[in-house]
Amino acid sequence: MKKLVLLVAVIASVSLFSCGGNETSKSGSDSTSASASQTEQVSTPSASATSVEATSVASKAEDAASKVASKVEEAVSKAASKAEEAAASKASK
């Protein structure tokens, strides 16, 4: 059960981080509406900068996954306690 909860949490955090948070391009307009005549120079980041960025993203994803996992576990425990209460009330009748 824990593996399933953690899998759901990881999938949720990956889906949230993969959308980019509705970021717009540097010019302030949507990236799909930028004209074809505009060009930007893009520099290739060094390996160490990419490594640091990947580590930062990974730690953010782990934090998000742990928060989601704790909330899911909390919800599951509440549901289980309500189910136990319902079973106990049926048994007492």
N, C-alpha and C. Protein backbone atom coordinates (compact mmCIF):
# COMPACT_ATOMS: atom_id res chain seq x y z
N MET A 1 0.82 -1.19 0.00
CA MET A 1 0.00 0.00 0.00
C MET A 1 0.87 1.26 0.00
N LYS A 2 1.97 1.22 0.80
CA LYS A 2 2.84 2.39 0.85
C LYS A 2 3.47 2.65 -0.51
N LYS A 3 3.84 1.58 -1.20
CA LYS A 3 4.46 1.75 -2.51
C LYS A 3 3.48 2.38 -3.48
N LEU A 4 2.22 2.00 -3.40
CA LEU A 4 1.21 2.57 -4.27
C LEU A 4 1.02 4.06 -3.97
N VAL A 5 0.98 4.40 -2.69
CA VAL A 5 0.82 5.80 -2.29
C VAL A 5 2.01 6.62 -2.76
N LEU A 6 3.22 6.09 -2.57
CA LEU A 6 4.41 6.81 -3.00
C LEU A 6 4.46 6.94 -4.51
N LEU A 7 4.01 5.91 -5.23
CA LEU A 7 3.98 5.99 -6.69
C LEU A 7 3.03 7.09 -7.15
N VAL A 8 1.87 7.17 -6.53
CA VAL A 8 0.91 8.22 -6.87
C VAL A 8 1.50 9.59 -6.55
N ALA A 9 2.19 9.70 -5.43
CA ALA A 9 2.79 10.98 -5.04
C ALA A 9 3.87 11.40 -6.03
N VAL A 10 4.69 10.47 -6.46
CA VAL A 10 5.74 10.79 -7.42
C VAL A 10 5.14 11.20 -8.75
N ILE A 11 4.13 10.48 -9.20
CA ILE A 11 3.48 10.82 -10.48
C ILE A 11 2.85 12.21 -10.39
N ALA A 12 2.21 12.51 -9.28
CA ALA A 12 1.60 13.83 -9.11
C ALA A 12 2.64 14.93 -9.11
N SER A 13 3.75 14.72 -8.41
CA SER A 13 4.78 15.76 -8.37
C SER A 13 5.44 15.93 -9.72
N VAL A 14 5.67 14.85 -10.45
CA VAL A 14 6.27 14.96 -11.78
C VAL A 14 5.34 15.69 -12.72
N SER A 15 4.05 15.41 -12.64
CA SER A 15 3.11 16.08 -13.53
C SER A 15 3.01 17.57 -13.20
N LEU A 16 3.12 17.92 -11.93
CA LEU A 16 3.07 19.33 -11.56
C LEU A 16 4.32 20.08 -12.01
N PHE A 17 5.48 19.46 -11.89
CA PHE A 17 6.71 20.11 -12.27
C PHE A 17 6.93 20.12 -13.78
N SER A 18 6.33 19.19 -14.49
CA SER A 18 6.56 19.12 -15.92
C SER A 18 5.78 20.17 -16.70
N CYS A 19 4.74 20.73 -16.12
CA CYS A 19 3.94 21.71 -16.86
C CYS A 19 4.60 23.08 -16.90
N GLY A 20 5.57 23.36 -16.08
CA GLY A 20 6.28 24.62 -16.13
C GLY A 20 5.60 25.74 -15.37
N GLY A 21 4.51 25.49 -14.74
CA GLY A 21 3.83 26.49 -13.93
C GLY A 21 3.29 27.67 -14.72
N ASN A 22 2.87 27.45 -15.96
CA ASN A 22 2.31 28.49 -16.83
C ASN A 22 3.27 29.66 -17.01
N GLU A 23 4.55 29.36 -17.12
CA GLU A 23 5.54 30.41 -17.32
C GLU A 23 5.43 30.96 -18.73
N THR A 24 5.72 32.26 -18.87
CA THR A 24 5.74 32.87 -20.19
C THR A 24 7.17 33.11 -20.60
N SER A 25 7.38 33.42 -21.86
CA SER A 25 8.73 33.66 -22.33
C SER A 25 9.26 34.98 -21.78
N LYS A 26 10.54 35.26 -21.99
CA LYS A 26 11.16 36.45 -21.42
C LYS A 26 10.53 37.74 -21.94
N SER A 27 9.97 37.72 -23.13
CA SER A 27 9.38 38.93 -23.70
C SER A 27 8.02 39.23 -23.09
N GLY A 28 7.49 38.33 -22.28
CA GLY A 28 6.23 38.56 -21.60
C GLY A 28 5.05 38.00 -22.35
N SER A 29 5.24 37.51 -23.55
CA SER A 29 4.14 36.92 -24.30
C SER A 29 4.24 35.41 -24.24
N ASP A 30 3.18 34.76 -24.61
CA ASP A 30 3.17 33.30 -24.60
C ASP A 30 4.16 32.78 -25.63
N SER A 31 4.83 31.68 -25.32
CA SER A 31 5.87 31.17 -26.20
C SER A 31 5.31 30.72 -27.55
N THR A 32 4.03 30.35 -27.60
CA THR A 32 3.47 29.91 -28.87
C THR A 32 3.08 31.08 -29.76
N SER A 33 2.93 32.28 -29.19
CA SER A 33 2.53 33.43 -29.99
C SER A 33 3.71 34.31 -30.39
N ALA A 34 4.93 33.91 -30.07
CA ALA A 34 6.09 34.69 -30.46
C ALA A 34 6.25 34.64 -31.97
N SER A 35 6.63 35.76 -32.56
CA SER A 35 6.74 35.79 -34.02
C SER A 35 7.98 35.02 -34.47
N ALA A 36 7.93 34.54 -35.71
CA ALA A 36 9.02 33.73 -36.24
C ALA A 36 10.25 34.56 -36.53
N SER A 37 10.09 35.88 -36.68
CA SER A 37 11.24 36.72 -37.02
C SER A 37 12.12 37.00 -35.81
N GLN A 38 11.60 36.82 -34.60
CA GLN A 38 12.39 37.05 -33.40
C GLN A 38 13.25 35.84 -33.11
N THR A 39 14.52 36.10 -32.83
CA THR A 39 15.42 35.02 -32.48
C THR A 39 16.11 35.37 -31.17
N GLU A 40 16.44 34.36 -30.40
CA GLU A 40 17.15 34.56 -29.15
C GLU A 40 18.42 33.76 -29.19
N GLN A 41 19.46 34.35 -28.60
CA GLN A 41 20.69 33.58 -28.46
C GLN A 41 20.57 32.75 -27.20
N VAL A 42 20.86 31.48 -27.32
CA VAL A 42 20.78 30.58 -26.19
C VAL A 42 22.16 30.00 -25.97
N SER A 43 22.67 30.22 -24.77
CA SER A 43 23.98 29.66 -24.45
C SER A 43 23.79 28.30 -23.81
N THR A 44 24.68 27.41 -24.09
CA THR A 44 24.62 26.07 -23.53
C THR A 44 25.20 26.11 -22.13
N PRO A 45 24.45 25.65 -21.12
CA PRO A 45 24.97 25.68 -19.76
C PRO A 45 26.09 24.66 -19.59
N SER A 46 26.97 24.97 -18.68
CA SER A 46 28.05 24.03 -18.40
C SER A 46 27.52 22.81 -17.67
N ALA A 47 28.31 21.78 -17.62
CA ALA A 47 27.88 20.53 -16.98
C ALA A 47 27.62 20.74 -15.49
N SER A 48 28.43 21.57 -14.83
CA SER A 48 28.23 21.78 -13.40
C SER A 48 26.94 22.56 -13.13
N ALA A 49 26.62 23.53 -13.99
CA ALA A 49 25.39 24.29 -13.81
C ALA A 49 24.18 23.39 -14.02
N THR A 50 24.26 22.52 -15.01
CA THR A 50 23.17 21.59 -15.26
C THR A 50 23.01 20.62 -14.11
N SER A 51 24.13 20.18 -13.55
CA SER A 51 24.09 19.25 -12.43
C SER A 51 23.44 19.89 -11.20
N VAL A 52 23.81 21.14 -10.93
CA VAL A 52 23.25 21.85 -9.78
C VAL A 52 21.75 22.06 -9.99
N GLU A 53 21.37 22.43 -11.21
CA GLU A 53 19.95 22.65 -11.51
C GLU A 53 19.16 21.35 -11.37
N ALA A 54 19.72 20.26 -11.85
CA ALA A 54 19.04 18.97 -11.75
C ALA A 54 18.90 18.55 -10.28
N THR A 55 19.92 18.81 -9.49
CA THR A 55 19.86 18.48 -8.07
C THR A 55 18.78 19.31 -7.38
N SER A 56 18.69 20.58 -7.74
CA SER A 56 17.69 21.46 -7.16
C SER A 56 16.28 21.00 -7.53
N VAL A 57 16.09 20.64 -8.78
CA VAL A 57 14.77 20.18 -9.23
C VAL A 57 14.43 18.86 -8.54
N ALA A 58 15.42 17.99 -8.41
CA ALA A 58 15.18 16.70 -7.76
C ALA A 58 14.79 16.90 -6.30
N SER A 59 15.45 17.82 -5.61
CA SER A 59 15.11 18.03 -4.20
C SER A 59 13.72 18.64 -4.07
N LYS A 60 13.35 19.54 -4.99
CA LYS A 60 11.99 20.10 -4.96
C LYS A 60 10.96 19.02 -5.21
N ALA A 61 11.26 18.12 -6.15
CA ALA A 61 10.32 17.04 -6.44
C ALA A 61 10.18 16.11 -5.25
N GLU A 62 11.29 15.82 -4.58
CA GLU A 62 11.22 14.96 -3.39
C GLU A 62 10.41 15.62 -2.28
N ASP A 63 10.59 16.94 -2.10
CA ASP A 63 9.82 17.65 -1.09
C ASP A 63 8.33 17.59 -1.41
N ALA A 64 8.00 17.84 -2.66
CA ALA A 64 6.60 17.81 -3.08
C ALA A 64 6.02 16.41 -2.92
N ALA A 65 6.80 15.41 -3.29
CA ALA A 65 6.33 14.03 -3.18
C ALA A 65 6.10 13.64 -1.73
N SER A 66 6.98 14.08 -0.84
CA SER A 66 6.80 13.75 0.58
C SER A 66 5.58 14.45 1.16
N LYS A 67 5.32 15.69 0.73
CA LYS A 67 4.13 16.40 1.20
C LYS A 67 2.87 15.70 0.72
N VAL A 68 2.86 15.32 -0.56
CA VAL A 68 1.69 14.64 -1.11
C VAL A 68 1.50 13.29 -0.42
N ALA A 69 2.60 12.57 -0.21
CA ALA A 69 2.50 11.26 0.42
C ALA A 69 1.95 11.38 1.84
N SER A 70 2.38 12.40 2.58
CA SER A 70 1.88 12.54 3.94
C SER A 70 0.40 12.89 3.95
N LYS A 71 -0.04 13.72 3.01
CA LYS A 71 -1.46 14.07 2.94
C LYS A 71 -2.30 12.87 2.53
N VAL A 72 -1.77 12.06 1.60
CA VAL A 72 -2.49 10.87 1.18
C VAL A 72 -2.59 9.88 2.34
N GLU A 73 -1.48 9.69 3.06
CA GLU A 73 -1.51 8.79 4.21
C GLU A 73 -2.50 9.27 5.26
N GLU A 74 -2.56 10.57 5.46
CA GLU A 74 -3.49 11.16 6.42
C GLU A 74 -4.93 10.89 6.00
N ALA A 75 -5.21 11.07 4.72
CA ALA A 75 -6.56 10.84 4.20
C ALA A 75 -6.94 9.37 4.29
N VAL A 76 -5.98 8.50 4.01
CA VAL A 76 -6.25 7.06 4.09
C VAL A 76 -6.53 6.65 5.54
N SER A 77 -5.76 7.18 6.47
CA SER A 77 -5.99 6.83 7.88
C SER A 77 -7.34 7.35 8.37
N LYS A 78 -7.75 8.54 7.92
CA LYS A 78 -9.07 9.06 8.30
C LYS A 78 -10.17 8.18 7.72
N ALA A 79 -10.00 7.78 6.47
CA ALA A 79 -11.01 6.92 5.84
C ALA A 79 -11.09 5.57 6.55
N ALA A 80 -9.93 5.04 6.94
CA ALA A 80 -9.92 3.76 7.64
C ALA A 80 -10.61 3.87 9.00
N SER A 81 -10.36 4.96 9.71
CA SER A 81 -11.00 5.13 11.03
C SER A 81 -12.51 5.29 10.88
N LYS A 82 -12.95 6.01 9.83
CA LYS A 82 -14.39 6.14 9.61
C LYS A 82 -15.01 4.80 9.25
N ALA A 83 -14.29 3.99 8.48
CA ALA A 83 -14.80 2.66 8.12
C ALA A 83 -14.90 1.78 9.36
N GLU A 84 -13.91 1.88 10.25
CA GLU A 84 -13.95 1.11 11.49
C GLU A 84 -15.12 1.54 12.37
N GLU A 85 -15.36 2.85 12.44
CA GLU A 85 -16.48 3.35 13.23
C GLU A 85 -17.81 2.87 12.66
N ALA A 86 -17.93 2.86 11.34
CA ALA A 86 -19.16 2.41 10.71
C ALA A 86 -19.36 0.92 10.96
N ALA A 87 -18.30 0.15 10.89
CA ALA A 87 -18.40 -1.28 11.15
C ALA A 87 -18.77 -1.55 12.60
N ALA A 88 -18.20 -0.75 13.50
CA ALA A 88 -18.51 -0.92 14.92
C ALA A 88 -19.95 -0.55 15.21
N SER A 89 -20.47 0.48 14.56
CA SER A 89 -21.85 0.88 14.80
C SER A 89 -22.83 -0.16 14.22
N LYS A 90 -22.45 -0.78 13.08
CA LYS A 90 -23.30 -1.83 12.52
C LYS A 90 -23.29 -3.07 13.41
N ALA A 91 -22.12 -3.36 13.98
CA ALA A 91 -21.99 -4.54 14.83
C ALA A 91 -22.78 -4.35 16.14
N SER A 92 -22.88 -3.14 16.63
CA SER A 92 -23.60 -2.88 17.89
C SER A 92 -25.11 -2.91 17.69
N LYS A 93 -25.58 -2.79 16.48
CA LYS A 93 -27.04 -2.79 16.22
C LYS A 93 -27.55 -4.14 16.14
